[in-house]
Amino acid sequence: MSKQSTILIEKDTIEILKKVKQYPRQTYNELIKNMAKIFCEVKKRNQYDEFLHKIQKEKMKELWDNKEDEEWENA
């Protein structure tokens, strides 16, 4: 059983892949693997940022929505 597969890629996608190769003889398989790894790392980071944002949201609301600040705005 082969560990390889054939996939269809549009011509314009191939042109983009050619432009982002790190070196001329880099295979599309290597390139796509690297791109997938980077995508996974970015996705993890974004999930972490969203988590922090949710945690901070209530505290920020508490700090910003108070009568003392409203009094200063009207002074």
N, C-alpha and C. Protein backbone atom coordinates (compact mmCIF):
# COMPACT_ATOMS: atom_id res chain seq x y z
N MET A 1 0.84 -1.19 0.00
CA MET A 1 0.00 0.00 0.00
C MET A 1 0.88 1.25 0.00
N SER A 2 0.62 2.16 -0.90
CA SER A 2 1.41 3.37 -1.05
C SER A 2 1.05 4.41 0.01
N LYS A 3 2.04 5.18 0.44
CA LYS A 3 1.80 6.24 1.41
C LYS A 3 1.56 7.57 0.71
N GLN A 4 1.42 7.54 -0.59
CA GLN A 4 1.21 8.76 -1.35
C GLN A 4 -0.19 8.80 -1.93
N SER A 5 -0.61 10.01 -2.25
CA SER A 5 -1.93 10.21 -2.82
C SER A 5 -1.83 11.27 -3.91
N THR A 6 -2.81 11.30 -4.76
CA THR A 6 -2.87 12.34 -5.79
C THR A 6 -4.00 13.28 -5.43
N ILE A 7 -3.69 14.58 -5.44
CA ILE A 7 -4.72 15.58 -5.17
C ILE A 7 -4.78 16.55 -6.34
N LEU A 8 -5.94 17.13 -6.55
CA LEU A 8 -6.10 18.12 -7.61
C LEU A 8 -5.90 19.51 -7.02
N ILE A 9 -5.04 20.28 -7.64
CA ILE A 9 -4.78 21.65 -7.21
C ILE A 9 -4.96 22.56 -8.42
N GLU A 10 -5.70 23.63 -8.22
CA GLU A 10 -5.92 24.57 -9.31
C GLU A 10 -4.60 25.21 -9.73
N LYS A 11 -4.52 25.59 -11.01
CA LYS A 11 -3.28 26.16 -11.56
C LYS A 11 -2.84 27.41 -10.81
N ASP A 12 -3.81 28.27 -10.46
CA ASP A 12 -3.43 29.51 -9.76
C ASP A 12 -2.87 29.21 -8.37
N THR A 13 -3.33 28.13 -7.74
CA THR A 13 -2.80 27.72 -6.44
C THR A 13 -1.36 27.23 -6.61
N ILE A 14 -1.09 26.52 -7.67
CA ILE A 14 0.27 26.04 -7.96
C ILE A 14 1.21 27.23 -8.14
N GLU A 15 0.74 28.26 -8.81
CA GLU A 15 1.58 29.45 -9.02
C GLU A 15 1.91 30.12 -7.68
N ILE A 16 0.95 30.16 -6.79
CA ILE A 16 1.19 30.73 -5.46
C ILE A 16 2.21 29.88 -4.72
N LEU A 17 2.04 28.57 -4.77
CA LEU A 17 2.98 27.66 -4.10
C LEU A 17 4.40 27.82 -4.65
N LYS A 18 4.53 28.00 -5.94
CA LYS A 18 5.85 28.21 -6.53
C LYS A 18 6.52 29.46 -5.96
N LYS A 19 5.74 30.50 -5.74
CA LYS A 19 6.28 31.77 -5.23
C LYS A 19 6.74 31.68 -3.78
N VAL A 20 6.12 30.81 -2.99
CA VAL A 20 6.46 30.76 -1.56
C VAL A 20 7.44 29.65 -1.19
N LYS A 21 7.96 28.95 -2.19
CA LYS A 21 8.96 27.91 -1.90
C LYS A 21 10.16 28.54 -1.21
N GLN A 22 10.73 27.81 -0.24
CA GLN A 22 11.90 28.30 0.48
C GLN A 22 13.18 28.11 -0.33
N TYR A 23 13.18 27.14 -1.19
CA TYR A 23 14.31 26.90 -2.08
C TYR A 23 13.77 26.23 -3.34
N PRO A 24 14.45 26.39 -4.48
CA PRO A 24 13.91 25.94 -5.78
C PRO A 24 13.51 24.48 -5.86
N ARG A 25 14.23 23.59 -5.23
CA ARG A 25 13.93 22.15 -5.36
C ARG A 25 13.01 21.63 -4.25
N GLN A 26 12.45 22.52 -3.47
CA GLN A 26 11.53 22.10 -2.42
C GLN A 26 10.28 21.48 -3.04
N THR A 27 9.86 20.34 -2.52
CA THR A 27 8.69 19.68 -3.08
C THR A 27 7.42 20.34 -2.56
N TYR A 28 6.35 20.15 -3.29
CA TYR A 28 5.07 20.68 -2.83
C TYR A 28 4.65 20.00 -1.52
N ASN A 29 5.00 18.75 -1.38
CA ASN A 29 4.68 18.02 -0.15
C ASN A 29 5.35 18.68 1.05
N GLU A 30 6.65 18.98 0.94
CA GLU A 30 7.37 19.65 2.03
C GLU A 30 6.76 21.02 2.32
N LEU A 31 6.46 21.73 1.28
CA LEU A 31 5.90 23.08 1.41
C LEU A 31 4.55 23.04 2.11
N ILE A 32 3.68 22.15 1.68
CA ILE A 32 2.35 22.05 2.27
C ILE A 32 2.44 21.59 3.73
N LYS A 33 3.36 20.66 4.04
CA LYS A 33 3.56 20.22 5.42
C LYS A 33 3.97 21.40 6.31
N ASN A 34 4.94 22.19 5.83
CA ASN A 34 5.40 23.35 6.60
C ASN A 34 4.27 24.36 6.80
N MET A 35 3.50 24.59 5.76
CA MET A 35 2.39 25.53 5.84
C MET A 35 1.34 25.03 6.84
N ALA A 36 1.08 23.74 6.84
CA ALA A 36 0.11 23.16 7.76
C ALA A 36 0.58 23.28 9.20
N LYS A 37 1.87 23.06 9.45
CA LYS A 37 2.43 23.20 10.80
C LYS A 37 2.28 24.64 11.29
N ILE A 38 2.61 25.58 10.43
CA ILE A 38 2.49 26.99 10.79
C ILE A 38 1.04 27.35 11.07
N PHE A 39 0.14 26.86 10.25
CA PHE A 39 -1.28 27.13 10.44
C PHE A 39 -1.75 26.60 11.80
N CYS A 40 -1.32 25.40 12.16
CA CYS A 40 -1.71 24.81 13.45
C CYS A 40 -1.20 25.64 14.62
N GLU A 41 0.03 26.14 14.52
CA GLU A 41 0.60 26.97 15.59
C GLU A 41 -0.17 28.28 15.72
N VAL A 42 -0.50 28.90 14.60
CA VAL A 42 -1.26 30.15 14.62
C VAL A 42 -2.63 29.92 15.23
N LYS A 43 -3.24 28.82 14.88
CA LYS A 43 -4.57 28.49 15.40
C LYS A 43 -4.51 28.32 16.92
N LYS A 44 -3.48 27.64 17.43
CA LYS A 44 -3.31 27.47 18.88
C LYS A 44 -3.17 28.83 19.55
N ARG A 45 -2.35 29.70 18.97
CA ARG A 45 -2.12 31.03 19.53
C ARG A 45 -3.41 31.83 19.57
N ASN A 46 -4.20 31.75 18.50
CA ASN A 46 -5.46 32.49 18.44
C ASN A 46 -6.43 31.98 19.50
N GLN A 47 -6.45 30.68 19.74
CA GLN A 47 -7.32 30.13 20.78
C GLN A 47 -6.89 30.65 22.15
N TYR A 48 -5.60 30.75 22.38
CA TYR A 48 -5.08 31.27 23.64
C TYR A 48 -5.48 32.74 23.81
N ASP A 49 -5.34 33.53 22.74
CA ASP A 49 -5.72 34.94 22.79
C ASP A 49 -7.21 35.11 23.07
N GLU A 50 -8.04 34.29 22.45
CA GLU A 50 -9.48 34.35 22.70
C GLU A 50 -9.79 33.99 24.15
N PHE A 51 -9.09 32.99 24.69
CA PHE A 51 -9.27 32.60 26.08
C PHE A 51 -8.94 33.75 27.01
N LEU A 52 -7.80 34.41 26.78
CA LEU A 52 -7.42 35.55 27.62
C LEU A 52 -8.43 36.68 27.51
N HIS A 53 -8.90 36.92 26.31
CA HIS A 53 -9.88 37.99 26.10
C HIS A 53 -11.15 37.72 26.90
N LYS A 54 -11.63 36.49 26.91
CA LYS A 54 -12.84 36.14 27.66
C LYS A 54 -12.64 36.34 29.15
N ILE A 55 -11.46 35.96 29.64
CA ILE A 55 -11.17 36.11 31.06
C ILE A 55 -11.13 37.59 31.44
N GLN A 56 -10.50 38.40 30.62
CA GLN A 56 -10.31 39.80 30.94
C GLN A 56 -11.58 40.63 30.73
N LYS A 57 -12.50 40.14 29.94
CA LYS A 57 -13.69 40.90 29.57
C LYS A 57 -14.48 41.38 30.79
N GLU A 58 -14.75 40.49 31.74
CA GLU A 58 -15.53 40.86 32.92
C GLU A 58 -14.81 41.89 33.78
N LYS A 59 -13.50 41.71 33.95
CA LYS A 59 -12.73 42.65 34.77
C LYS A 59 -12.70 44.03 34.11
N MET A 60 -12.54 44.07 32.81
CA MET A 60 -12.51 45.35 32.11
C MET A 60 -13.86 46.05 32.20
N LYS A 61 -14.92 45.28 32.11
CA LYS A 61 -16.27 45.85 32.24
C LYS A 61 -16.43 46.46 33.63
N GLU A 62 -15.95 45.73 34.64
CA GLU A 62 -16.03 46.20 36.02
C GLU A 62 -15.24 47.51 36.19
N LEU A 63 -14.06 47.58 35.57
CA LEU A 63 -13.23 48.77 35.71
C LEU A 63 -13.78 49.97 34.94
N TRP A 64 -14.35 49.74 33.78
CA TRP A 64 -14.78 50.85 32.93
C TRP A 64 -16.21 51.29 33.19
N ASP A 65 -17.07 50.40 33.61
CA ASP A 65 -18.46 50.76 33.85
C ASP A 65 -18.67 51.07 35.32
N ASN A 66 -18.27 52.26 35.72
CA ASN A 66 -18.48 52.66 37.11
C ASN A 66 -18.87 54.13 37.17
N LYS A 67 -19.50 54.50 38.23
CA LYS A 67 -20.05 55.85 38.39
C LYS A 67 -18.95 56.90 38.47
N GLU A 68 -17.80 56.57 39.06
CA GLU A 68 -16.71 57.54 39.20
C GLU A 68 -16.26 58.04 37.82
N ASP A 69 -16.13 57.14 36.87
CA ASP A 69 -15.71 57.54 35.52
C ASP A 69 -16.77 58.41 34.87
N GLU A 70 -18.04 58.07 35.06
CA GLU A 70 -19.12 58.86 34.47
C GLU A 70 -19.13 60.27 35.04
N GLU A 71 -18.83 60.42 36.35
CA GLU A 71 -18.78 61.74 36.96
C GLU A 71 -17.68 62.59 36.35
N TRP A 72 -16.53 62.00 36.06
CA TRP A 72 -15.41 62.73 35.44
C TRP A 72 -15.78 63.20 34.03
N GLU A 73 -16.52 62.38 33.32
CA GLU A 73 -16.92 62.74 31.96
C GLU A 73 -17.81 63.97 31.96
N ASN A 74 -18.60 64.13 33.00
CA ASN A 74 -19.55 65.25 33.08
C ASN A 74 -18.99 66.46 33.82
N ALA A 75 -17.74 66.39 34.29
CA ALA A 75 -17.15 67.49 35.06
C ALA A 75 -16.77 68.65 34.16
